[in-house]
Amino acid sequence: MTIGEKIQTDIVVAMKARDEHKLTTLRMVKSALRNKEIDKREKLTDAEESQILTTLIKQRKESVESFTKGDRPELAEKERVEIGIIEAYLPQAVGEDVIRGVVRGAIDTLTKDAGNKPGPKDMGTLMKVVQQRILADGLRADGRLVSEIVKAELAK
C-alpha cells in the first residue's frame, strides 16, 4: 500500500471519528501529493511521495520556529501536531550510526574511483552520493545531521 493509499484510508477513518485536525492535515497532504502527481502527469513513486512529505515536515518545522519567535505558542503546538501526523507516514528516521556507515561507504567508493581520499572540498560530491544512497535504501535522514557527519568524516 502506497503512502497516498494509506492517507486516503486514514481520511475516511478521521471523518468517521470526527477528528477535525487530523482530517484537515491529511487532506492537505493528499492535496500536495495530488498536485505533484498532476504536475508530473504520472503516478508518483514511493521515494517521490516520501520527498513531498519530508518537504511538508520541513515547512512545518520552519513555521514552529517562526511562531515560537513571534510568541504564538498555540500555533506552534498546532504545527507540531501536524508534524507528528505527517511523520507517521514516513519510514523511521535512521540514527547517526547508520548514516555514518553510509558516509564511510560513500567515502570508500569515491576513494576507489578517484584514487585519493576526498577532502573538505569534495563535500558537495559526497553529499550527493550519500543522499542518493539513503534514498535508494528507502531510509530517511535529517539533512543537517547528514551534513554534520559528512564534515566530521572528511575532517579525519
N, C-alpha and C. Protein backbone atom coordinates (compact mmCIF):
# COMPACT_ATOMS: atom_id res chain seq x y z
N MET A 1 0.84 -1.18 0.00
CA MET A 1 0.00 0.00 0.00
C MET A 1 0.89 1.25 0.00
N THR A 2 0.65 2.13 -0.93
CA THR A 2 1.45 3.34 -1.03
C THR A 2 1.05 4.35 0.04
N ILE A 3 1.87 5.38 0.17
CA ILE A 3 1.59 6.42 1.16
C ILE A 3 0.26 7.09 0.85
N GLY A 4 0.02 7.39 -0.41
CA GLY A 4 -1.23 8.03 -0.81
C GLY A 4 -2.45 7.18 -0.47
N GLU A 5 -2.35 5.87 -0.67
CA GLU A 5 -3.47 4.97 -0.34
C GLU A 5 -3.70 4.93 1.17
N LYS A 6 -2.62 4.89 1.94
CA LYS A 6 -2.76 4.90 3.41
C LYS A 6 -3.43 6.18 3.88
N ILE A 7 -3.03 7.30 3.28
CA ILE A 7 -3.60 8.59 3.66
C ILE A 7 -5.09 8.61 3.34
N GLN A 8 -5.48 8.10 2.18
CA GLN A 8 -6.89 8.07 1.80
C GLN A 8 -7.69 7.24 2.79
N THR A 9 -7.17 6.08 3.18
CA THR A 9 -7.84 5.23 4.15
C THR A 9 -7.99 5.95 5.49
N ASP A 10 -6.93 6.63 5.91
CA ASP A 10 -6.97 7.33 7.20
C ASP A 10 -7.87 8.56 7.16
N ILE A 11 -8.07 9.15 5.99
CA ILE A 11 -9.01 10.26 5.87
C ILE A 11 -10.42 9.77 6.20
N VAL A 12 -10.78 8.60 5.68
CA VAL A 12 -12.10 8.03 5.96
C VAL A 12 -12.25 7.75 7.46
N VAL A 13 -11.19 7.19 8.06
CA VAL A 13 -11.22 6.90 9.50
C VAL A 13 -11.37 8.19 10.30
N ALA A 14 -10.63 9.22 9.92
CA ALA A 14 -10.70 10.50 10.63
C ALA A 14 -12.08 11.14 10.47
N MET A 15 -12.69 10.97 9.30
CA MET A 15 -14.04 11.51 9.09
C MET A 15 -15.04 10.82 10.01
N LYS A 16 -14.93 9.50 10.09
CA LYS A 16 -15.85 8.75 10.95
C LYS A 16 -15.64 9.08 12.42
N ALA A 17 -14.37 9.32 12.81
CA ALA A 17 -14.05 9.64 14.20
C ALA A 17 -14.29 11.11 14.52
N ARG A 18 -14.61 11.91 13.51
CA ARG A 18 -14.82 13.35 13.66
C ARG A 18 -13.59 14.06 14.24
N ASP A 19 -12.41 13.58 13.81
CA ASP A 19 -11.14 14.18 14.23
C ASP A 19 -10.78 15.27 13.22
N GLU A 20 -11.26 16.47 13.49
CA GLU A 20 -11.17 17.57 12.53
C GLU A 20 -9.73 17.95 12.19
N HIS A 21 -8.87 18.05 13.21
CA HIS A 21 -7.49 18.48 12.95
C HIS A 21 -6.74 17.46 12.10
N LYS A 22 -6.88 16.18 12.44
CA LYS A 22 -6.22 15.14 11.66
C LYS A 22 -6.77 15.11 10.24
N LEU A 23 -8.07 15.29 10.12
CA LEU A 23 -8.70 15.28 8.80
C LEU A 23 -8.17 16.40 7.91
N THR A 24 -8.10 17.60 8.44
CA THR A 24 -7.61 18.72 7.63
C THR A 24 -6.13 18.53 7.26
N THR A 25 -5.35 17.99 8.19
CA THR A 25 -3.94 17.74 7.91
C THR A 25 -3.78 16.70 6.80
N LEU A 26 -4.54 15.60 6.91
CA LEU A 26 -4.44 14.55 5.89
C LEU A 26 -4.93 15.03 4.53
N ARG A 27 -5.96 15.85 4.53
CA ARG A 27 -6.44 16.40 3.25
C ARG A 27 -5.39 17.30 2.62
N MET A 28 -4.69 18.07 3.45
CA MET A 28 -3.63 18.95 2.95
C MET A 28 -2.50 18.10 2.34
N VAL A 29 -2.14 17.01 3.00
CA VAL A 29 -1.09 16.12 2.50
C VAL A 29 -1.54 15.48 1.19
N LYS A 30 -2.77 14.99 1.16
CA LYS A 30 -3.29 14.37 -0.05
C LYS A 30 -3.30 15.37 -1.21
N SER A 31 -3.67 16.60 -0.91
CA SER A 31 -3.68 17.65 -1.93
C SER A 31 -2.28 17.91 -2.48
N ALA A 32 -1.28 17.96 -1.60
CA ALA A 32 0.10 18.17 -2.03
C ALA A 32 0.57 17.02 -2.94
N LEU A 33 0.23 15.79 -2.54
CA LEU A 33 0.61 14.62 -3.35
C LEU A 33 -0.09 14.67 -4.71
N ARG A 34 -1.36 15.00 -4.71
CA ARG A 34 -2.14 15.05 -5.94
C ARG A 34 -1.62 16.15 -6.88
N ASN A 35 -1.29 17.31 -6.31
CA ASN A 35 -0.76 18.40 -7.14
C ASN A 35 0.54 18.00 -7.82
N LYS A 36 1.41 17.33 -7.09
CA LYS A 36 2.68 16.88 -7.67
C LYS A 36 2.44 15.84 -8.76
N GLU A 37 1.47 14.97 -8.51
CA GLU A 37 1.13 13.94 -9.49
C GLU A 37 0.59 14.58 -10.77
N ILE A 38 -0.21 15.62 -10.64
CA ILE A 38 -0.74 16.32 -11.80
C ILE A 38 0.39 17.01 -12.56
N ASP A 39 1.30 17.65 -11.82
CA ASP A 39 2.44 18.31 -12.46
C ASP A 39 3.29 17.32 -13.24
N LYS A 40 3.49 16.15 -12.65
CA LYS A 40 4.34 15.13 -13.26
C LYS A 40 3.63 14.38 -14.39
N ARG A 41 2.31 14.35 -14.32
CA ARG A 41 1.46 13.67 -15.30
C ARG A 41 1.63 12.15 -15.30
N GLU A 42 2.01 11.61 -14.18
CA GLU A 42 2.05 10.16 -14.00
C GLU A 42 2.09 9.87 -12.50
N LYS A 43 1.91 8.60 -12.16
CA LYS A 43 1.90 8.21 -10.75
C LYS A 43 3.23 8.54 -10.08
N LEU A 44 3.15 8.89 -8.80
CA LEU A 44 4.36 9.17 -8.03
C LEU A 44 4.96 7.87 -7.51
N THR A 45 6.28 7.82 -7.42
CA THR A 45 6.94 6.68 -6.82
C THR A 45 6.92 6.87 -5.30
N ASP A 46 7.25 5.82 -4.58
CA ASP A 46 7.30 5.92 -3.11
C ASP A 46 8.33 6.95 -2.67
N ALA A 47 9.46 6.99 -3.36
CA ALA A 47 10.51 7.94 -3.00
C ALA A 47 10.02 9.38 -3.20
N GLU A 48 9.29 9.62 -4.28
CA GLU A 48 8.77 10.97 -4.53
C GLU A 48 7.73 11.36 -3.49
N GLU A 49 6.87 10.40 -3.11
CA GLU A 49 5.87 10.68 -2.07
C GLU A 49 6.57 11.00 -0.75
N SER A 50 7.59 10.23 -0.42
CA SER A 50 8.34 10.48 0.81
C SER A 50 9.00 11.84 0.78
N GLN A 51 9.53 12.22 -0.38
CA GLN A 51 10.19 13.52 -0.52
C GLN A 51 9.20 14.66 -0.30
N ILE A 52 7.98 14.51 -0.81
CA ILE A 52 6.95 15.54 -0.62
C ILE A 52 6.60 15.65 0.86
N LEU A 53 6.45 14.52 1.53
CA LEU A 53 6.13 14.56 2.96
C LEU A 53 7.27 15.19 3.75
N THR A 54 8.50 14.89 3.38
CA THR A 54 9.66 15.48 4.04
C THR A 54 9.64 17.00 3.88
N THR A 55 9.29 17.47 2.68
CA THR A 55 9.20 18.91 2.43
C THR A 55 8.12 19.54 3.30
N LEU A 56 6.98 18.86 3.41
CA LEU A 56 5.89 19.38 4.25
C LEU A 56 6.31 19.47 5.71
N ILE A 57 7.05 18.46 6.18
CA ILE A 57 7.53 18.47 7.56
C ILE A 57 8.51 19.62 7.76
N LYS A 58 9.40 19.82 6.80
CA LYS A 58 10.37 20.92 6.89
C LYS A 58 9.65 22.26 6.97
N GLN A 59 8.61 22.44 6.16
CA GLN A 59 7.83 23.67 6.21
C GLN A 59 7.19 23.87 7.57
N ARG A 60 6.67 22.80 8.15
CA ARG A 60 6.03 22.89 9.47
C ARG A 60 7.06 23.25 10.54
N LYS A 61 8.27 22.68 10.43
CA LYS A 61 9.31 23.00 11.41
C LYS A 61 9.70 24.47 11.34
N GLU A 62 9.77 25.00 10.13
CA GLU A 62 10.07 26.42 9.98
C GLU A 62 8.95 27.27 10.58
N SER A 63 7.71 26.83 10.40
CA SER A 63 6.57 27.55 10.97
C SER A 63 6.61 27.53 12.50
N VAL A 64 6.97 26.37 13.07
CA VAL A 64 7.08 26.27 14.53
C VAL A 64 8.10 27.27 15.03
N GLU A 65 9.23 27.35 14.34
CA GLU A 65 10.28 28.29 14.72
C GLU A 65 9.77 29.73 14.66
N SER A 66 9.07 30.07 13.60
CA SER A 66 8.54 31.43 13.44
C SER A 66 7.50 31.75 14.51
N PHE A 67 6.61 30.80 14.76
CA PHE A 67 5.57 31.03 15.76
C PHE A 67 6.15 31.15 17.16
N THR A 68 7.20 30.38 17.42
CA THR A 68 7.85 30.46 18.73
C THR A 68 8.50 31.82 18.92
N LYS A 69 9.18 32.29 17.88
CA LYS A 69 9.81 33.62 17.95
C LYS A 69 8.76 34.71 18.07
N GLY A 70 7.61 34.52 17.43
CA GLY A 70 6.55 35.51 17.45
C GLY A 70 5.65 35.41 18.66
N ASP A 71 6.02 34.58 19.62
CA ASP A 71 5.25 34.41 20.86
C ASP A 71 3.82 33.94 20.59
N ARG A 72 3.70 32.92 19.74
CA ARG A 72 2.40 32.32 19.43
C ARG A 72 2.46 30.82 19.71
N PRO A 73 2.55 30.43 21.00
CA PRO A 73 2.73 29.02 21.33
C PRO A 73 1.58 28.11 20.88
N GLU A 74 0.35 28.63 20.83
CA GLU A 74 -0.78 27.79 20.41
C GLU A 74 -0.66 27.39 18.95
N LEU A 75 -0.18 28.31 18.10
CA LEU A 75 0.01 27.98 16.69
C LEU A 75 1.22 27.06 16.50
N ALA A 76 2.25 27.26 17.30
CA ALA A 76 3.43 26.39 17.23
C ALA A 76 3.04 24.96 17.60
N GLU A 77 2.20 24.82 18.61
CA GLU A 77 1.77 23.49 19.04
C GLU A 77 0.94 22.81 17.95
N LYS A 78 0.09 23.59 17.30
CA LYS A 78 -0.73 23.05 16.20
C LYS A 78 0.18 22.50 15.09
N GLU A 79 1.23 23.23 14.76
CA GLU A 79 2.17 22.78 13.73
C GLU A 79 2.91 21.52 14.19
N ARG A 80 3.27 21.45 15.47
CA ARG A 80 3.96 20.25 15.99
C ARG A 80 3.07 19.02 15.87
N VAL A 81 1.79 19.18 16.13
CA VAL A 81 0.85 18.06 15.99
C VAL A 81 0.79 17.62 14.53
N GLU A 82 0.77 18.58 13.61
CA GLU A 82 0.76 18.24 12.18
C GLU A 82 2.03 17.49 11.79
N ILE A 83 3.16 17.90 12.34
CA ILE A 83 4.42 17.21 12.06
C ILE A 83 4.30 15.75 12.49
N GLY A 84 3.75 15.52 13.68
CA GLY A 84 3.58 14.15 14.18
C GLY A 84 2.69 13.31 13.28
N ILE A 85 1.61 13.92 12.79
CA ILE A 85 0.68 13.20 11.91
C ILE A 85 1.37 12.83 10.61
N ILE A 86 2.10 13.77 10.02
CA ILE A 86 2.76 13.53 8.73
C ILE A 86 3.89 12.52 8.88
N GLU A 87 4.67 12.62 9.97
CA GLU A 87 5.80 11.70 10.16
C GLU A 87 5.37 10.25 10.27
N ALA A 88 4.13 10.01 10.67
CA ALA A 88 3.64 8.64 10.82
C ALA A 88 3.63 7.90 9.47
N TYR A 89 3.63 8.62 8.37
CA TYR A 89 3.57 8.01 7.04
C TYR A 89 4.95 7.81 6.41
N LEU A 90 5.98 8.30 7.06
CA LEU A 90 7.33 8.16 6.54
C LEU A 90 8.03 6.99 7.21
N PRO A 91 9.03 6.43 6.54
CA PRO A 91 9.82 5.40 7.21
C PRO A 91 10.53 5.99 8.43
N GLN A 92 10.84 5.15 9.38
CA GLN A 92 11.50 5.62 10.60
C GLN A 92 12.84 6.27 10.26
N ALA A 93 13.10 7.40 10.87
CA ALA A 93 14.37 8.10 10.65
C ALA A 93 15.51 7.25 11.22
N VAL A 94 16.61 7.21 10.48
CA VAL A 94 17.75 6.40 10.92
C VAL A 94 18.63 7.21 11.86
N GLY A 95 19.41 6.50 12.65
CA GLY A 95 20.29 7.15 13.61
C GLY A 95 21.65 7.48 13.04
N GLU A 96 22.47 8.08 13.89
CA GLU A 96 23.81 8.50 13.48
C GLU A 96 24.67 7.34 13.00
N ASP A 97 24.56 6.19 13.66
CA ASP A 97 25.41 5.05 13.31
C ASP A 97 25.16 4.59 11.87
N VAL A 98 23.91 4.52 11.49
CA VAL A 98 23.57 4.07 10.13
C VAL A 98 24.07 5.10 9.11
N ILE A 99 23.84 6.38 9.41
CA ILE A 99 24.29 7.44 8.50
C ILE A 99 25.81 7.41 8.36
N ARG A 100 26.49 7.25 9.50
CA ARG A 100 27.95 7.21 9.48
C ARG A 100 28.44 6.05 8.60
N GLY A 101 27.77 4.90 8.67
CA GLY A 101 28.13 3.76 7.84
C GLY A 101 27.95 4.06 6.36
N VAL A 102 26.85 4.74 6.01
CA VAL A 102 26.60 5.10 4.61
C VAL A 102 27.66 6.09 4.14
N VAL A 103 28.00 7.07 5.00
CA VAL A 103 29.01 8.07 4.65
C VAL A 103 30.37 7.41 4.43
N ARG A 104 30.75 6.51 5.31
CA ARG A 104 32.04 5.82 5.16
C ARG A 104 32.07 4.98 3.88
N GLY A 105 30.95 4.32 3.58
CA GLY A 105 30.86 3.55 2.33
C GLY A 105 31.01 4.44 1.12
N ALA A 106 30.39 5.61 1.16
CA ALA A 106 30.50 6.56 0.04
C ALA A 106 31.92 7.08 -0.09
N ILE A 107 32.58 7.34 1.05
CA ILE A 107 33.98 7.80 1.01
C ILE A 107 34.86 6.72 0.41
N ASP A 108 34.64 5.46 0.80
CA ASP A 108 35.42 4.35 0.24
C ASP A 108 35.23 4.26 -1.27
N THR A 109 33.98 4.42 -1.72
CA THR A 109 33.70 4.36 -3.16
C THR A 109 34.40 5.49 -3.90
N LEU A 110 34.32 6.71 -3.36
CA LEU A 110 34.98 7.85 -4.00
C LEU A 110 36.50 7.69 -3.99
N THR A 111 37.03 7.09 -2.91
CA THR A 111 38.47 6.87 -2.83
C THR A 111 38.91 5.90 -3.92
N LYS A 112 38.13 4.84 -4.14
CA LYS A 112 38.46 3.87 -5.18
C LYS A 112 38.39 4.51 -6.56
N ASP A 113 37.34 5.32 -6.79
CA ASP A 113 37.14 5.94 -8.11
C ASP A 113 38.20 6.99 -8.40
N ALA A 114 38.47 7.86 -7.43
CA ALA A 114 39.40 8.98 -7.67
C ALA A 114 40.85 8.60 -7.40
N GLY A 115 41.06 7.58 -6.59
CA GLY A 115 42.42 7.16 -6.29
C GLY A 115 43.00 7.83 -5.06
N ASN A 116 42.40 8.90 -4.58
CA ASN A 116 42.87 9.52 -3.34
C ASN A 116 41.66 9.85 -2.46
N LYS A 117 41.94 9.99 -1.17
CA LYS A 117 40.86 10.22 -0.19
C LYS A 117 40.26 11.62 -0.41
N PRO A 118 38.92 11.70 -0.45
CA PRO A 118 38.29 13.02 -0.63
C PRO A 118 38.54 13.92 0.57
N GLY A 119 38.65 15.20 0.31
CA GLY A 119 38.87 16.19 1.35
C GLY A 119 37.65 17.09 1.51
N PRO A 120 37.77 18.12 2.33
CA PRO A 120 36.64 19.03 2.56
C PRO A 120 36.10 19.68 1.29
N LYS A 121 36.95 19.84 0.28
CA LYS A 121 36.49 20.45 -0.97
C LYS A 121 35.53 19.54 -1.73
N ASP A 122 35.51 18.26 -1.40
CA ASP A 122 34.66 17.28 -2.07
C ASP A 122 33.33 17.07 -1.34
N MET A 123 32.99 17.96 -0.44
CA MET A 123 31.79 17.80 0.37
C MET A 123 30.52 17.71 -0.48
N GLY A 124 30.39 18.58 -1.48
CA GLY A 124 29.20 18.57 -2.33
C GLY A 124 29.01 17.25 -3.04
N THR A 125 30.08 16.75 -3.60
CA THR A 125 30.04 15.47 -4.32
C THR A 125 29.64 14.35 -3.37
N LEU A 126 30.26 14.34 -2.21
CA LEU A 126 29.99 13.29 -1.22
C LEU A 126 28.55 13.38 -0.72
N MET A 127 28.06 14.58 -0.49
CA MET A 127 26.68 14.75 -0.02
C MET A 127 25.69 14.18 -1.04
N LYS A 128 25.93 14.42 -2.34
CA LYS A 128 25.05 13.88 -3.37
C LYS A 128 25.03 12.37 -3.33
N VAL A 129 26.21 11.77 -3.23
CA VAL A 129 26.31 10.31 -3.20
C VAL A 129 25.59 9.75 -1.97
N VAL A 130 25.82 10.37 -0.81
CA VAL A 130 25.21 9.89 0.44
C VAL A 130 23.69 10.02 0.37
N GLN A 131 23.19 11.15 -0.09
CA GLN A 131 21.73 11.35 -0.18
C GLN A 131 21.10 10.33 -1.13
N GLN A 132 21.78 10.04 -2.26
CA GLN A 132 21.26 9.06 -3.20
C GLN A 132 21.21 7.67 -2.57
N ARG A 133 22.25 7.33 -1.82
CA ARG A 133 22.28 6.01 -1.17
C ARG A 133 21.20 5.89 -0.11
N ILE A 134 20.99 6.96 0.63
CA ILE A 134 19.95 6.94 1.67
C ILE A 134 18.58 6.75 1.03
N LEU A 135 18.31 7.49 -0.05
CA LEU A 135 17.03 7.34 -0.74
C LEU A 135 16.88 5.96 -1.37
N ALA A 136 17.96 5.46 -1.96
CA ALA A 136 17.92 4.15 -2.61
C ALA A 136 17.63 3.03 -1.60
N ASP A 137 18.12 3.20 -0.38
CA ASP A 137 17.89 2.19 0.66
C ASP A 137 16.53 2.34 1.31
N GLY A 138 15.77 3.37 0.91
CA GLY A 138 14.44 3.59 1.49
C GLY A 138 14.51 4.12 2.90
N LEU A 139 15.59 4.80 3.23
CA LEU A 139 15.77 5.34 4.58
C LEU A 139 15.37 6.81 4.59
N ARG A 140 15.31 7.36 5.80
CA ARG A 140 15.03 8.78 5.95
C ARG A 140 16.00 9.34 6.95
N ALA A 141 16.63 10.46 6.61
CA ALA A 141 17.62 11.07 7.49
C ALA A 141 17.52 12.59 7.39
N ASP A 142 17.78 13.24 8.50
CA ASP A 142 17.77 14.69 8.55
C ASP A 142 18.99 15.22 7.80
N GLY A 143 18.78 16.17 6.90
CA GLY A 143 19.86 16.70 6.07
C GLY A 143 20.97 17.35 6.88
N ARG A 144 20.59 18.05 7.95
CA ARG A 144 21.61 18.71 8.79
C ARG A 144 22.51 17.68 9.46
N LEU A 145 21.90 16.60 9.95
CA LEU A 145 22.67 15.55 10.61
C LEU A 145 23.62 14.90 9.61
N VAL A 146 23.13 14.63 8.41
CA VAL A 146 23.98 14.04 7.37
C VAL A 146 25.15 14.96 7.06
N SER A 147 24.86 16.25 6.93
CA SER A 147 25.90 17.24 6.63
C SER A 147 26.96 17.28 7.71
N GLU A 148 26.53 17.27 8.98
CA GLU A 148 27.49 17.29 10.09
C GLU A 148 28.38 16.05 10.08
N ILE A 149 27.78 14.89 9.82
CA ILE A 149 28.55 13.65 9.82
C ILE A 149 29.53 13.65 8.65
N VAL A 150 29.09 14.13 7.48
CA VAL A 150 29.97 14.19 6.31
C VAL A 150 31.17 15.10 6.62
N LYS A 151 30.92 16.27 7.22
CA LYS A 151 32.00 17.18 7.58
C LYS A 151 32.98 16.52 8.53
N ALA A 152 32.44 15.82 9.54
CA ALA A 152 33.30 15.17 10.52
C ALA A 152 34.14 14.07 9.89
N GLU A 153 33.55 13.30 8.99
CA GLU A 153 34.28 12.21 8.35
C GLU A 153 35.34 12.75 7.39
N LEU A 154 35.05 13.84 6.70
CA LEU A 154 36.03 14.41 5.78
C LEU A 154 37.19 15.05 6.53
N ALA A 155 36.93 15.52 7.75
CA ALA A 155 37.98 16.18 8.53
C ALA A 155 38.98 15.16 9.08
N LYS A 156 38.63 13.89 9.10
CA LYS A 156 39.53 12.86 9.65
C LYS A 156 40.73 12.65 8.76
